[in-house]
Every structure is written in C-alpha cells, then in structure tokens.
Amino acid sequence: MSGKMRLIIMTPEKVLLEKEVSKVSLPGTKGRFMVLWNHAPVISSLDHGKIVFMDNGIEETVEIESGFVEVVSNRITVCAEL
C-alpha cells in the first residue's frame, strides 16, 4: 500500500514548500536517492542539484545548492541553501 508523505523544504530564511507527496528524489552527496512511503529513517547531506517530487501525478522540482535532509515516519524535512 502506498501513501502520502509530508515534504517540507526550508531555507535559513523561510519555509519554501510544505505539501503531501508520493515520492521524492534527492541529490545526496554520495549520489541521488529516492524516498518512498515507509522509508527507513535517514539523515543525509545534500549536494547541488534538483529535489524532484511527485504530487498527484505531477512532477515538480526545486533547485538547491546544498543542504541536509531528515526522513522519519513518512516526513521528509529538507534544510537547504538555494
């Protein structure tokens, strides 16, 4: 069974985006990785690239310079420099 996850993308200045998504692809410093429903908890550094996420069948992207991500209990929190 697949469900929705809460994606929060913030910068040091503001919350850029907060929405329910079905999958997220992130530019990790060790390589791109995908987060799906019920992903294991993880904290990772992020490199320059695009955060790509799917919302109701529509793919959206946010370009970042660097940052960190925490994934826990179907909540993905990104703190990034744009």
Protein backbone atom coordinates (compact mmCIF):
# COMPACT_ATOMS: atom_id res chain seq x y z
CA MET A 1 0.00 0.00 0.00
CA SER A 2 1.33 3.40 -0.97
CA GLY A 3 0.54 6.60 0.91
CA LYS A 4 1.40 10.25 1.05
CA MET A 5 4.41 11.69 2.81
CA ARG A 6 4.85 15.20 4.19
CA LEU A 7 7.62 17.13 2.39
CA ILE A 8 8.94 20.30 3.98
CA ILE A 9 11.66 22.31 2.22
CA MET A 10 13.06 25.25 4.16
CA THR A 11 15.90 27.71 3.86
CA PRO A 12 17.51 29.59 6.77
CA GLU A 13 15.12 32.47 5.92
CA LYS A 14 11.73 30.77 5.38
CA VAL A 15 9.67 27.66 4.70
CA LEU A 16 9.77 27.36 0.92
CA LEU A 17 7.36 24.46 0.45
CA GLU A 18 5.17 22.19 2.55
CA LYS A 19 2.96 19.58 0.87
CA GLU A 20 1.90 15.96 0.64
CA VAL A 21 3.83 13.92 -1.96
CA SER A 22 4.03 10.32 -3.14
CA LYS A 23 7.79 10.18 -3.83
CA VAL A 24 10.89 12.36 -3.59
CA SER A 25 14.27 12.12 -5.33
CA LEU A 26 17.15 13.96 -3.63
CA PRO A 27 20.72 14.88 -4.70
CA GLY A 28 22.71 13.23 -1.89
CA THR A 29 26.43 13.95 -1.62
CA LYS A 30 27.09 10.23 -2.23
CA GLY A 31 24.60 10.10 -5.12
CA ARG A 32 20.94 10.65 -5.92
CA PHE A 33 18.43 8.62 -3.88
CA MET A 34 14.66 8.13 -3.78
CA VAL A 35 12.35 8.27 -0.75
CA LEU A 36 9.08 6.33 -0.92
CA TRP A 37 6.30 5.59 1.59
CA ASN A 38 7.60 3.97 4.82
CA HIS A 39 11.27 4.65 4.00
CA ALA A 40 13.71 3.79 6.78
CA PRO A 41 14.79 6.75 8.92
CA VAL A 42 17.80 8.56 7.47
CA ILE A 43 19.75 11.80 7.76
CA SER A 44 21.85 12.79 4.74
CA SER A 45 23.80 15.73 3.39
CA LEU A 46 22.68 17.10 0.03
CA ASP A 47 24.70 18.39 -2.89
CA HIS A 48 23.92 20.87 -5.67
CA GLY A 49 21.04 19.58 -7.79
CA LYS A 50 17.29 19.20 -8.04
CA ILE A 51 14.85 17.87 -5.49
CA VAL A 52 12.24 16.12 -7.65
CA PHE A 53 8.88 15.18 -6.12
CA MET A 54 5.59 13.77 -7.35
CA ASP A 55 2.29 15.33 -6.26
CA ASN A 56 -0.96 13.90 -7.69
CA GLY A 57 0.83 12.58 -10.78
CA ILE A 58 2.57 15.91 -11.46
CA GLU A 59 6.36 16.09 -11.17
CA GLU A 60 7.78 19.26 -9.61
CA THR A 61 11.35 20.34 -8.87
CA VAL A 62 13.26 22.67 -6.55
CA GLU A 63 16.91 23.52 -7.34
CA ILE A 64 19.28 23.66 -4.34
CA GLU A 65 22.95 24.44 -3.79
CA SER A 66 23.43 22.24 -0.70
CA GLY A 67 21.70 21.15 2.47
CA PHE A 68 20.56 18.32 4.70
CA VAL A 69 17.54 16.03 4.79
CA GLU A 70 15.91 14.05 7.59
CA VAL A 71 13.45 11.26 6.79
CA VAL A 72 11.41 9.83 9.65
CA SER A 73 7.84 8.46 9.91
CA ASN A 74 6.87 9.50 6.35
CA ARG A 75 8.01 13.07 6.97
CA ILE A 76 10.82 14.48 4.80
CA THR A 77 12.40 17.67 6.13
CA VAL A 78 14.95 19.46 3.95
CA CYS A 79 17.03 22.41 5.11
CA ALA A 80 18.73 23.86 2.04
CA GLU A 81 20.64 26.76 0.56
CA LEU A 82 19.16 27.82 -2.79
